Amino acid sequence: MVTGPLVVSPGTKTTTRRQRRPGGRGWWAAAGIVLLPVLIPPISLVWQVVTRGTGTPVPLDRLWELFVATVALTVAVTITALSLGTATAWLTSRTDVPGRRVWMILAALPLVMPSYVAALTIIGATGPTGLISNWLGFDIPTPYGFVGAWLALSVFLAPMAHLIVTPGLRLIDPATEDAATGLGASQRRVFFTVTLPQLRPALVSAGLMVGLYTISDFGAVSLLRYDTFTRAIFTLYEGQIDRQPAAALSLILMVLALGILLVERRTRSRASYHTSRVRRIRKMLSLKKAGRIGALAFLGTLTTLSIVIPVSVLIFWLARGLGAGQELGTVWEETIRSVGVSIGAATLAAFAAFPIAMITTRRKGKMSDAADTAVWATYALPHITVGVAVVGFALAWARPLYQGLGLLLVTYVVMFLAQTMSSTQDSLRRASPDLEDASRGLGRGPLTTLRRVTIPLATPGLLAGAALVFLSVMKELPATLLLRPNGFETLAIRIWSTTGEGFYTRASVASLALLAVSIVPLLALMFRDLRD
């Protein structure tokens, strides 16, 4: 999973000796090949605006309106998602709440829900014909605008914070909290004065992920009619012959996203992951009766909002359509295409991430730091911005690749490479480089050491990263809309098109198929973490 930097407690043994430098020029050459397409989106976007101008200028008051709306939604969603995710992480990893392992899985499951499906189910649950309105017997207004977008993104991004904060909680040395408790501090005071400060790197990392996702979201804000930069960019791109205004807005959005990344970089700590210190076994906090009831009520309510109601709405639409004799249509072709491109992108991302992970963990320096920053900078770009940039690049310099499946796959890899790189770095950092030194010291050559030591060490991270890329590509919408070959429909495109045409029954079939396929890699990751 994508995790934040770790806090090294006093006594942790860090590696300050000579840097290991396996592979030399070969790793740098491979990393350079990978970085070439990674740099295309930001360079292409800047080139488009500098050489072709901004086209028909967008009024300044409109720009300010979009900026305020985007920032307001990002701040609100980030704060809410971090609060919810931290609460679920603490309850399921620190307390003896009944069924905590089940709740831990349920807290992560909503991550498979794309934002546009979340928004779709909110629309289907409210309004005159909504599922909840029918249950209660009176009309619940659909929360269009800021409230609806905030609710959809907050509830369905909380699992992202949960997955990042949970490892951070596990890595805190129990001795620090036990010492505060021994001095008479209450559990509340221990949490806010000891636990929370040590969670800062994980919280910053989670905030970065949630904030970047919110800035780049297109589906939820479009369906719930809340104007942000992404919705305005797509409207300008589709509705006008002159697409330079869309490129200009994309550049502004790119600068905003990179600003968030810069803030995160300045707060990042650096530490080794491997340690020789023996960790103490942590005792679970025993909840009193009132606390247990409150914890179960909170977890149950969040699960109802994020899983039960959305799935119920989709099943309700499906049943209502079947009862009315509507044609459901089949989604086999769309499912096969979605799974195919997701597996292809995940496989390519694993191969592309490995050399960059090697140079950034085994050959630390300014150049490797620059490579790491480049990958994260492109990951920080909103997906609709990447789509606009790649379209401009293809039309100007690679027209034969335009609307080709190969270009779409490479774009997926570029957008989500950081996920695989991060998890691979995590695996390599957790294993001491002394293992590779020992192999070479025993006379094993570089290729043998790579095959028998390094690759096995990196495999858990590569598989976890590939699973994350698979999940991300399955849900991807804006870049797919702009770059897909003619007639190439994925499940995400099917959901989007049928929703726009008002065919909610068909949209429910595609949504259920997407959730069923996406849940497989997420469950595999969750069960692996539980075993660990």
Protein backbone atom coordinates (compact mmCIF):
# COMPACT_ATOMS: atom_id res chain seq x y z
CA MET A 1 0.00 0.00 0.00
CA VAL A 2 1.05 3.62 -0.38
CA THR A 3 2.32 4.71 2.99
CA GLY A 4 3.90 7.82 4.36
CA PRO A 5 7.44 8.15 5.62
CA LEU A 6 8.14 6.34 8.85
CA VAL A 7 9.14 7.87 12.15
CA VAL A 8 12.31 6.35 13.56
CA SER A 9 12.12 6.14 17.31
CA PRO A 10 15.18 6.62 19.50
CA GLY A 11 17.42 3.62 19.33
CA THR A 12 16.55 2.76 15.72
CA LYS A 13 19.62 1.78 13.79
CA THR A 14 19.83 3.67 10.51
CA THR A 15 22.20 2.95 7.68
CA THR A 16 24.74 5.77 7.41
CA ARG A 17 27.58 3.76 5.97
CA ARG A 18 28.73 3.68 2.39
CA GLN A 19 25.94 3.65 -0.14
CA ARG A 20 25.34 0.42 -2.00
CA ARG A 21 25.63 0.94 -5.71
CA PRO A 22 24.44 -2.17 -7.54
CA GLY A 23 23.96 -2.22 -11.26
CA GLY A 24 25.55 1.16 -12.01
CA ARG A 25 24.82 2.56 -15.43
CA GLY A 26 22.31 -0.14 -16.31
CA TRP A 27 19.84 0.97 -13.67
CA TRP A 28 20.26 4.61 -14.62
CA ALA A 29 19.72 3.81 -18.31
CA ALA A 30 16.54 1.85 -17.53
CA ALA A 31 15.29 4.61 -15.23
CA GLY A 32 15.98 7.21 -17.91
CA ILE A 33 13.88 5.30 -20.43
CA VAL A 34 11.02 5.18 -17.94
CA LEU A 35 11.27 8.87 -17.07
CA LEU A 36 10.96 10.03 -20.69
CA PRO A 37 7.19 9.38 -20.95
CA VAL A 38 6.72 10.46 -17.32
CA LEU A 39 7.89 13.98 -18.20
CA ILE A 40 5.74 14.29 -21.33
CA PRO A 41 2.48 15.55 -19.69
CA PRO A 42 3.88 18.56 -17.79
CA ILE A 43 6.29 19.54 -20.58
CA SER A 44 3.62 19.14 -23.28
CA LEU A 45 1.09 21.23 -21.36
CA VAL A 46 3.55 24.07 -20.78
CA TRP A 47 4.61 23.90 -24.45
CA GLN A 48 0.99 24.10 -25.66
CA VAL A 49 0.23 27.20 -23.63
CA VAL A 50 3.56 28.96 -24.35
CA THR A 51 3.56 28.35 -28.11
CA ARG A 52 -0.16 28.56 -28.90
CA GLY A 53 -1.40 30.94 -26.25
CA THR A 54 -4.50 30.65 -24.11
CA GLY A 55 -7.08 31.10 -26.87
CA THR A 56 -10.24 32.92 -25.81
CA PRO A 57 -9.32 34.11 -22.30
CA VAL A 58 -11.41 32.94 -19.39
CA PRO A 59 -12.65 35.94 -17.36
CA LEU A 60 -10.72 36.59 -14.18
CA ASP A 61 -13.83 36.46 -12.02
CA ARG A 62 -14.59 33.01 -13.46
CA LEU A 63 -11.04 31.86 -12.73
CA TRP A 64 -11.31 33.11 -9.16
CA GLU A 65 -14.68 31.38 -8.76
CA LEU A 66 -13.24 28.06 -9.97
CA PHE A 67 -10.15 28.46 -7.78
CA VAL A 68 -12.18 29.15 -4.61
CA ALA A 69 -14.58 26.29 -5.36
CA THR A 70 -11.75 23.82 -5.98
CA VAL A 71 -9.73 24.82 -2.92
CA ALA A 72 -12.80 24.87 -0.65
CA LEU A 73 -13.82 21.37 -1.71
CA THR A 74 -10.25 20.08 -1.38
CA VAL A 75 -9.79 21.46 2.13
CA ALA A 76 -13.19 20.24 3.34
CA VAL A 77 -12.80 16.74 1.89
CA THR A 78 -9.22 16.37 3.14
CA ILE A 79 -10.10 17.32 6.72
CA THR A 80 -13.20 15.11 6.79
CA ALA A 81 -11.58 12.08 5.13
CA LEU A 82 -8.52 12.29 7.40
CA SER A 83 -10.73 12.49 10.49
CA LEU A 84 -12.85 9.51 9.45
CA GLY A 85 -9.88 7.45 8.25
CA THR A 86 -7.84 8.12 11.38
CA ALA A 87 -10.80 7.18 13.58
CA THR A 88 -11.40 3.86 11.78
CA ALA A 89 -7.66 3.09 11.77
CA TRP A 90 -7.36 3.73 15.51
CA LEU A 91 -10.47 1.75 16.43
CA THR A 92 -9.53 -1.29 14.34
CA SER A 93 -5.81 -1.41 15.16
CA ARG A 94 -5.65 -0.12 18.76
CA THR A 95 -8.85 -1.19 20.52
CA ASP A 96 -10.63 -4.44 21.31
CA VAL A 97 -13.78 -3.41 19.45
CA PRO A 98 -15.72 -6.60 18.62
CA GLY A 99 -14.97 -7.94 15.14
CA ARG A 100 -12.15 -5.48 14.61
CA ARG A 101 -10.58 -7.47 11.75
CA VAL A 102 -13.91 -7.52 9.92
CA TRP A 103 -14.33 -3.79 10.51
CA MET A 104 -10.78 -3.24 9.26
CA ILE A 105 -11.70 -4.86 5.93
CA LEU A 106 -15.06 -3.08 5.73
CA ALA A 107 -13.35 0.27 6.36
CA ALA A 108 -11.14 -0.28 3.30
CA LEU A 109 -13.71 -1.76 0.89
CA PRO A 110 -15.25 1.57 -0.25
CA LEU A 111 -11.93 2.32 -1.96
CA VAL A 112 -13.18 0.22 -4.91
CA MET A 113 -16.07 2.65 -5.38
CA PRO A 114 -15.28 5.24 -8.10
CA SER A 115 -16.34 8.78 -7.26
CA TYR A 116 -18.82 8.87 -10.13
CA VAL A 117 -20.52 5.69 -8.85
CA ALA A 118 -20.61 7.21 -5.35
CA ALA A 119 -22.25 10.33 -6.76
CA LEU A 120 -24.62 8.21 -8.82
CA THR A 121 -25.79 6.29 -5.75
CA ILE A 122 -26.33 9.53 -3.81
CA ILE A 123 -28.59 10.71 -6.63
CA GLY A 124 -30.35 7.34 -6.63
CA ALA A 125 -30.87 7.33 -2.87
CA THR A 126 -32.41 10.80 -2.67
CA GLY A 127 -34.97 12.80 -4.62
CA PRO A 128 -38.66 11.98 -5.22
CA THR A 129 -37.96 8.46 -6.53
CA GLY A 130 -34.87 7.75 -4.43
CA LEU A 131 -34.44 4.59 -2.42
CA ILE A 132 -34.16 6.33 0.98
CA SER A 133 -37.04 8.68 0.11
CA ASN A 134 -39.21 5.63 -0.64
CA TRP A 135 -38.16 3.93 2.62
CA LEU A 136 -38.93 7.00 4.74
CA GLY A 137 -42.09 7.98 2.90
CA PHE A 138 -41.09 11.58 2.20
CA ASP A 139 -38.83 13.35 -0.27
CA ILE A 140 -35.18 13.92 0.68
CA PRO A 141 -33.73 16.58 -1.63
CA THR A 142 -30.73 15.49 -3.68
CA PRO A 143 -27.66 17.34 -2.31
CA TYR A 144 -26.40 18.84 -5.54
CA GLY A 145 -23.51 21.28 -5.39
CA PHE A 146 -20.86 21.57 -2.71
CA VAL A 147 -22.61 19.45 -0.05
CA GLY A 148 -23.15 16.50 -2.38
CA ALA A 149 -19.60 16.56 -3.75
CA TRP A 150 -18.16 16.92 -0.23
CA LEU A 151 -20.25 14.01 1.08
CA ALA A 152 -19.45 11.69 -1.85
CA LEU A 153 -15.70 12.34 -1.83
CA SER A 154 -15.26 12.43 1.96
CA VAL A 155 -16.98 9.12 2.67
CA PHE A 156 -15.35 7.30 -0.21
CA LEU A 157 -11.83 8.72 0.30
CA ALA A 158 -11.76 7.97 4.04
CA PRO A 159 -10.59 4.39 3.25
CA MET A 160 -7.51 5.85 1.57
CA ALA A 161 -6.61 7.65 4.78
CA HIS A 162 -7.45 4.50 6.77
CA LEU A 163 -5.01 2.39 4.75
CA ILE A 164 -2.19 4.91 5.13
CA VAL A 165 -2.67 5.76 8.80
CA THR A 166 -3.04 2.13 9.98
CA PRO A 167 0.63 1.18 9.30
CA GLY A 168 1.69 4.45 10.92
CA LEU A 169 -0.13 3.50 14.11
CA ARG A 170 1.51 0.07 14.13
CA LEU A 171 4.99 1.58 13.81
CA ILE A 172 4.75 3.85 16.87
CA ASP A 173 6.84 2.46 19.72
CA PRO A 174 4.44 1.47 22.55
CA ALA A 175 7.05 2.60 25.11
CA THR A 176 6.37 6.28 24.36
CA GLU A 177 2.65 5.94 25.00
CA ASP A 178 3.16 3.67 28.02
CA ALA A 179 5.50 6.26 29.55
CA ALA A 180 2.87 8.99 29.19
CA THR A 181 0.20 6.72 30.67
CA GLY A 182 2.52 5.86 33.57
CA LEU A 183 2.89 9.57 34.30
CA GLY A 184 -0.86 9.84 34.77
CA ALA A 185 -1.96 11.10 31.35
CA SER A 186 -5.46 10.09 30.21
CA GLN A 187 -5.98 8.11 27.01
CA ARG A 188 -7.32 11.24 25.30
CA ARG A 189 -4.26 13.26 26.29
CA VAL A 190 -1.89 10.46 25.24
CA PHE A 191 -3.54 10.37 21.82
CA PHE A 192 -3.32 14.11 21.18
CA THR A 193 0.10 14.76 22.75
CA VAL A 194 2.02 11.55 21.98
CA THR A 195 0.30 9.45 19.30
CA LEU A 196 -0.91 12.17 16.94
CA PRO A 197 2.46 14.00 16.67
CA GLN A 198 4.16 10.71 15.73
CA LEU A 199 1.47 10.15 13.09
CA ARG A 200 2.32 13.42 11.35
CA PRO A 201 4.21 11.84 8.41
CA ALA A 202 1.40 9.34 7.78
CA LEU A 203 -1.24 12.06 8.08
CA VAL A 204 0.65 14.32 5.68
CA SER A 205 0.95 11.45 3.21
CA ALA A 206 -2.74 10.63 3.54
CA GLY A 207 -3.65 14.29 3.19
CA LEU A 208 -1.56 14.50 0.03
CA MET A 209 -3.32 11.50 -1.52
CA VAL A 210 -6.81 12.71 -0.57
CA GLY A 211 -6.11 16.28 -1.63
CA LEU A 212 -4.69 15.31 -5.02
CA TYR A 213 -7.59 12.95 -5.67
CA THR A 214 -10.10 15.69 -4.81
CA ILE A 215 -8.42 18.23 -7.07
CA SER A 216 -8.39 15.75 -9.96
CA ASP A 217 -11.91 14.39 -9.43
CA PHE A 218 -14.16 14.75 -12.42
CA GLY A 219 -17.00 12.26 -12.02
CA ALA A 220 -18.51 13.29 -8.68
CA VAL A 221 -18.36 17.05 -9.28
CA SER A 222 -19.86 16.63 -12.75
CA LEU A 223 -22.77 14.41 -11.72
CA LEU A 224 -23.48 16.52 -8.63
CA ARG A 225 -23.18 19.79 -10.59
CA TYR A 226 -20.43 21.46 -8.62
CA ASP A 227 -18.16 23.65 -10.72
CA THR A 228 -14.45 23.02 -10.18
CA PHE A 229 -11.50 23.28 -12.54
CA THR A 230 -11.92 19.70 -13.78
CA ARG A 231 -15.56 20.15 -14.78
CA ALA A 232 -14.79 23.48 -16.49
CA ILE A 233 -11.82 21.97 -18.37
CA PHE A 234 -13.90 19.09 -19.75
CA THR A 235 -16.70 21.47 -20.77
CA LEU A 236 -14.22 23.72 -22.61
CA TYR A 237 -12.52 20.74 -24.23
CA GLU A 238 -15.72 19.14 -25.51
CA GLY A 239 -17.78 22.21 -26.26
CA GLN A 240 -15.39 24.38 -28.29
CA ILE A 241 -13.32 24.07 -31.42
CA ASP A 242 -10.60 26.19 -29.80
CA ARG A 243 -9.25 23.94 -27.04
CA GLN A 244 -6.50 26.28 -25.84
CA PRO A 245 -8.64 27.65 -22.99
CA ALA A 246 -8.89 24.06 -21.70
CA ALA A 247 -5.10 23.78 -21.87
CA ALA A 248 -4.70 27.09 -20.02
CA LEU A 249 -7.04 25.99 -17.22
CA SER A 250 -5.23 22.64 -17.10
CA LEU A 251 -1.94 24.47 -16.57
CA ILE A 252 -3.43 26.43 -13.66
CA LEU A 253 -4.75 23.21 -12.15
CA MET A 254 -1.35 21.58 -12.61
CA VAL A 255 0.34 24.42 -10.73
CA LEU A 256 -2.19 24.07 -7.90
CA ALA A 257 -1.56 20.31 -7.63
CA LEU A 258 2.22 20.76 -7.71
CA GLY A 259 1.90 23.35 -4.95
CA ILE A 260 0.27 20.74 -2.73
CA LEU A 261 3.05 18.29 -3.59
CA LEU A 262 5.70 20.88 -2.70
CA VAL A 263 4.11 21.47 0.71
CA GLU A 264 4.14 17.71 1.36
CA ARG A 265 7.78 17.43 0.28
CA ARG A 266 8.83 20.14 2.71
CA THR A 267 7.22 18.27 5.61
CA ARG A 268 8.60 14.84 4.66
CA SER A 269 11.08 13.17 6.96
CA ARG A 270 13.74 10.70 5.87
CA ALA A 271 14.48 7.45 7.65
CA SER A 272 15.49 3.87 7.12
CA TYR A 273 12.78 1.27 7.36
CA HIS A 274 14.86 -1.63 8.62
CA THR A 275 15.80 -1.72 12.28
CA SER A 276 17.58 -4.01 14.67
CA ARG A 277 15.52 -2.92 17.65
CA VAL A 278 13.09 -5.46 19.07
CA ARG A 279 9.59 -4.06 19.07
CA ARG A 280 7.40 -4.54 22.11
CA ILE A 281 4.05 -6.25 21.77
CA ARG A 282 1.28 -3.69 22.04
CA LYS A 283 -1.72 -4.33 24.26
CA MET A 284 -5.12 -3.51 22.80
CA LEU A 285 -7.00 -0.73 24.56
CA SER A 286 -9.98 -2.21 26.39
CA LEU A 287 -13.13 -0.21 25.65
CA LYS A 288 -15.77 0.32 28.29
CA LYS A 289 -19.39 -0.53 27.51
CA ALA A 290 -20.27 2.99 26.39
CA GLY A 291 -17.11 3.25 24.31
CA ARG A 292 -17.79 -0.12 22.69
CA ILE A 293 -21.34 0.90 21.78
CA GLY A 294 -20.13 4.23 20.40
CA ALA A 295 -17.39 2.56 18.34
CA LEU A 296 -19.79 0.01 16.87
CA ALA A 297 -22.33 2.75 16.10
CA PHE A 298 -19.69 4.86 14.33
CA LEU A 299 -18.27 1.97 12.30
CA GLY A 300 -21.74 0.68 11.47
CA THR A 301 -22.97 4.10 10.31
CA LEU A 302 -19.91 4.64 8.12
CA THR A 303 -20.27 1.16 6.61
CA THR A 304 -23.94 1.81 5.91
CA LEU A 305 -23.17 5.09 4.15
CA SER A 306 -20.20 3.78 2.15
CA ILE A 307 -21.24 0.19 1.34
CA VAL A 308 -24.80 -0.78 2.27
CA ILE A 309 -26.66 2.18 0.77
CA PRO A 310 -24.63 2.41 -2.49
CA VAL A 311 -24.93 -1.34 -3.20
CA SER A 312 -28.62 -1.27 -2.22
CA VAL A 313 -29.26 1.60 -4.65
CA LEU A 314 -27.57 -0.28 -7.50
CA ILE A 315 -29.54 -3.47 -6.73
CA PHE A 316 -32.75 -1.39 -6.42
CA TRP A 317 -32.19 0.09 -9.87
CA LEU A 318 -31.46 -3.32 -11.28
CA ALA A 319 -34.58 -4.87 -9.76
CA ARG A 320 -36.77 -1.95 -10.82
CA GLY A 321 -35.49 -2.17 -14.38
CA LEU A 322 -36.09 -5.90 -14.52
CA GLY A 323 -39.61 -5.42 -13.14
CA ALA A 324 -40.35 -2.82 -15.81
CA GLY A 325 -39.10 -5.13 -18.54
CA GLN A 326 -36.14 -2.95 -19.48
CA GLU A 327 -33.30 -4.38 -21.49
CA LEU A 328 -30.24 -4.68 -19.32
CA GLY A 329 -27.71 -5.13 -22.06
CA THR A 330 -24.50 -7.04 -21.50
CA VAL A 331 -21.25 -5.72 -20.11
CA TRP A 332 -19.04 -8.70 -20.97
CA GLU A 333 -17.09 -6.82 -23.64
CA GLU A 334 -16.63 -3.77 -21.45
CA THR A 335 -15.54 -5.97 -18.54
CA ILE A 336 -13.01 -7.83 -20.68
CA ARG A 337 -11.61 -4.56 -22.03
CA SER A 338 -11.41 -3.02 -18.55
CA VAL A 339 -9.68 -6.05 -17.06
CA GLY A 340 -7.36 -6.34 -20.07
CA VAL A 341 -6.11 -2.74 -20.01
CA SER A 342 -5.89 -2.82 -16.20
CA ILE A 343 -3.73 -5.96 -16.22
CA GLY A 344 -1.61 -4.55 -19.03
CA ALA A 345 -1.07 -1.23 -17.25
CA ALA A 346 -0.36 -2.95 -13.91
CA THR A 347 2.23 -5.24 -15.52
CA LEU A 348 3.96 -2.39 -17.36
CA ALA A 349 3.94 -0.27 -14.21
CA ALA A 350 5.66 -3.03 -12.23
CA PHE A 351 8.45 -3.32 -14.83
CA ALA A 352 8.79 0.47 -15.07
CA ALA A 353 8.82 1.05 -11.31
CA PHE A 354 11.59 -1.42 -10.48
CA PRO A 355 14.61 0.47 -11.88
CA ILE A 356 13.44 3.76 -10.36
CA ALA A 357 12.88 2.08 -7.00
CA MET A 358 16.41 0.65 -7.21
CA ILE A 359 18.14 3.96 -7.86
CA THR A 360 16.07 5.80 -5.25
CA THR A 361 16.71 3.25 -2.48
CA ARG A 362 20.17 1.89 -3.31
CA ARG A 363 21.83 4.88 -4.99
CA LYS A 364 20.70 7.89 -2.98
CA GLY A 365 21.72 11.28 -4.28
CA LYS A 366 20.42 14.42 -5.97
CA MET A 367 19.80 12.66 -9.27
CA SER A 368 17.80 9.86 -7.68
CA ASP A 369 15.84 12.39 -5.61
CA ALA A 370 15.04 14.26 -8.83
CA ALA A 371 13.80 11.04 -10.44
CA ASP A 372 11.58 10.30 -7.44
CA THR A 373 10.20 13.86 -7.49
CA ALA A 374 9.48 13.65 -11.24
CA VAL A 375 7.38 10.51 -10.79
CA TRP A 376 5.43 12.03 -7.90
CA ALA A 377 5.01 15.33 -9.74
CA THR A 378 3.32 13.58 -12.66
CA TYR A 379 1.21 11.53 -10.26
CA ALA A 380 0.11 14.80 -8.68
CA LEU A 381 -1.30 16.06 -11.99
CA PRO A 382 -5.10 15.82 -12.29
CA HIS A 383 -6.03 13.09 -14.74
CA ILE A 384 -7.98 15.38 -17.03
CA THR A 385 -4.87 17.59 -17.20
CA VAL A 386 -2.76 14.58 -18.18
CA GLY A 387 -5.32 13.68 -20.84
CA VAL A 388 -5.30 17.18 -22.35
CA ALA A 389 -1.48 17.25 -22.31
CA VAL A 390 -1.11 13.82 -23.96
CA VAL A 391 -3.69 14.68 -26.63
CA GLY A 392 -1.73 17.84 -27.47
CA PHE A 393 1.54 15.88 -27.58
CA ALA A 394 0.09 13.16 -29.81
CA LEU A 395 -1.45 15.62 -32.28
CA ALA A 396 1.77 17.63 -32.52
CA TRP A 397 4.51 14.98 -32.50
CA ALA A 398 3.00 11.48 -32.51
CA ARG A 399 -0.16 11.61 -34.58
CA PRO A 400 -0.05 7.89 -35.56
CA LEU A 401 -0.33 7.05 -31.85
CA TYR A 402 -3.37 9.28 -31.28
CA GLN A 403 -6.42 7.33 -30.03
CA GLY A 404 -4.35 4.15 -30.00
CA LEU A 405 -4.46 1.52 -27.30
CA GLY A 406 -0.68 1.73 -26.82
CA LEU A 407 -0.82 5.44 -26.00
CA LEU A 408 -3.66 4.83 -23.56
CA LEU A 409 -1.67 2.11 -21.75
CA VAL A 410 1.44 4.28 -21.51
CA THR A 411 -0.66 7.15 -20.14
CA TYR A 412 -2.09 4.87 -17.46
CA VAL A 413 1.42 3.82 -16.46
CA VAL A 414 2.60 7.43 -16.33
CA MET A 415 -0.36 8.50 -14.16
CA PHE A 416 -0.12 5.66 -11.64
CA LEU A 417 3.58 4.78 -11.69
CA ALA A 418 4.10 6.40 -8.27
CA GLN A 419 1.81 3.82 -6.65
CA THR A 420 3.98 0.90 -7.74
CA MET A 421 7.23 2.79 -7.17
CA SER A 422 6.23 3.72 -3.62
CA SER A 423 5.25 0.19 -2.58
CA THR A 424 8.41 -1.25 -4.19
CA GLN A 425 10.56 1.30 -2.36
CA ASP A 426 8.81 0.28 0.84
CA SER A 427 9.75 -3.40 0.30
CA LEU A 428 13.37 -2.58 -0.58
CA ARG A 429 13.81 -0.24 2.39
CA ARG A 430 12.44 -2.78 4.83
CA ALA A 431 15.15 -5.24 3.76
CA SER A 432 18.69 -4.30 4.75
CA PRO A 433 21.09 -3.85 1.80
CA ASP A 434 23.46 -6.09 3.78
CA LEU A 435 21.62 -9.06 2.25
CA GLU A 436 22.71 -8.04 -1.24
CA ASP A 437 26.23 -7.28 0.01
CA ALA A 438 26.41 -10.75 1.52
CA SER A 439 25.38 -12.33 -1.78
CA ARG A 440 28.08 -10.47 -3.67
CA GLY A 441 30.57 -11.24 -0.91
CA LEU A 442 29.88 -14.96 -1.45
CA GLY A 443 30.90 -14.61 -5.07
CA ARG A 444 27.48 -14.25 -6.67
CA GLY A 445 27.46 -12.01 -9.70
CA PRO A 446 25.19 -8.97 -10.14
CA LEU A 447 22.60 -10.88 -12.20
CA THR A 448 22.46 -13.79 -9.76
CA THR A 449 22.12 -11.40 -6.82
CA LEU A 450 19.38 -9.56 -8.66
CA ARG A 451 17.49 -12.76 -9.49
CA ARG A 452 17.90 -14.57 -6.17
CA VAL A 453 17.98 -11.73 -3.64
CA THR A 454 16.84 -8.31 -4.90
CA ILE A 455 13.80 -9.33 -6.94
CA PRO A 456 12.40 -11.61 -4.19
CA LEU A 457 12.84 -8.74 -1.71
CA ALA A 458 10.98 -6.36 -4.01
CA THR A 459 8.25 -8.79 -5.10
CA PRO A 460 5.73 -8.01 -2.30
CA GLY A 461 5.93 -4.31 -3.12
CA LEU A 462 5.72 -4.92 -6.86
CA LEU A 463 2.62 -7.09 -6.45
CA ALA A 464 0.97 -4.61 -4.07
CA GLY A 465 1.75 -1.72 -6.41
CA ALA A 466 0.47 -3.64 -9.43
CA ALA A 467 -2.77 -4.36 -7.57
CA LEU A 468 -3.19 -0.66 -6.79
CA VAL A 469 -2.58 0.28 -10.43
CA PHE A 470 -5.10 -2.36 -11.54
CA LEU A 471 -7.67 -0.86 -9.17
CA SER A 472 -6.93 2.71 -10.30
CA VAL A 473 -7.14 1.91 -14.02
CA MET A 474 -10.44 0.07 -13.54
CA LYS A 475 -11.94 3.28 -12.11
CA GLU A 476 -10.20 5.80 -14.37
CA LEU A 477 -12.61 8.04 -16.32
CA PRO A 478 -11.40 11.48 -17.57
CA ALA A 479 -8.16 10.40 -19.27
CA THR A 480 -9.97 7.41 -20.78
CA LEU A 481 -12.67 9.69 -22.19
CA LEU A 482 -10.05 11.84 -23.93
CA LEU A 483 -7.61 9.14 -25.15
CA ARG A 484 -9.55 5.94 -25.80
CA PRO A 485 -9.66 4.50 -29.32
CA ASN A 486 -12.91 4.98 -31.21
CA GLY A 487 -15.48 2.44 -30.06
CA PHE A 488 -13.35 1.33 -27.10
CA GLU A 489 -15.71 1.25 -24.11
CA THR A 490 -14.62 0.32 -20.60
CA LEU A 491 -16.92 -0.19 -17.65
CA ALA A 492 -16.18 3.36 -16.52
CA ILE A 493 -17.17 4.74 -19.93
CA ARG A 494 -20.31 2.56 -19.96
CA ILE A 495 -21.37 3.89 -16.57
CA TRP A 496 -20.73 7.47 -17.64
CA SER A 497 -22.54 7.23 -20.98
CA THR A 498 -25.60 5.36 -19.69
CA THR A 499 -25.95 7.74 -16.76
CA GLY A 500 -25.83 10.72 -19.11
CA GLU A 501 -28.61 9.14 -21.19
CA GLY A 502 -30.72 8.39 -18.11
CA PHE A 503 -30.43 4.59 -18.38
CA TYR A 504 -29.82 3.97 -14.68
CA THR A 505 -30.59 0.25 -14.87
CA ARG A 506 -27.81 -0.29 -17.40
CA ALA A 507 -25.53 1.94 -15.35
CA SER A 508 -26.23 -0.23 -12.30
CA VAL A 509 -25.23 -3.40 -14.16
CA ALA A 510 -21.91 -1.87 -15.23
CA SER A 511 -21.34 -0.45 -11.73
CA LEU A 512 -21.91 -3.79 -10.03
CA ALA A 513 -19.58 -5.48 -12.53
CA LEU A 514 -16.87 -2.88 -11.86
CA LEU A 515 -17.19 -3.30 -8.08
CA ALA A 516 -17.11 -7.10 -8.34
CA VAL A 517 -13.89 -7.08 -10.36
CA SER A 518 -12.19 -4.31 -8.38
CA ILE A 519 -12.81 -5.89 -4.99
CA VAL A 520 -10.54 -8.86 -5.79
CA PRO A 521 -7.14 -7.08 -5.69
CA LEU A 522 -8.18 -4.95 -2.71
CA LEU A 523 -9.17 -8.02 -0.68
CA ALA A 524 -5.89 -9.67 -1.64
CA LEU A 525 -3.98 -6.67 -0.29
CA MET A 526 -6.04 -6.53 2.88
CA PHE A 527 -5.60 -10.23 3.67
CA ARG A 528 -1.86 -9.92 3.03
CA ASP A 529 -1.65 -7.03 5.49
CA LEU A 530 -3.64 -8.98 8.08
CA ARG A 531 -1.28 -11.94 7.73
CA ASP A 532 1.71 -9.61 8.14
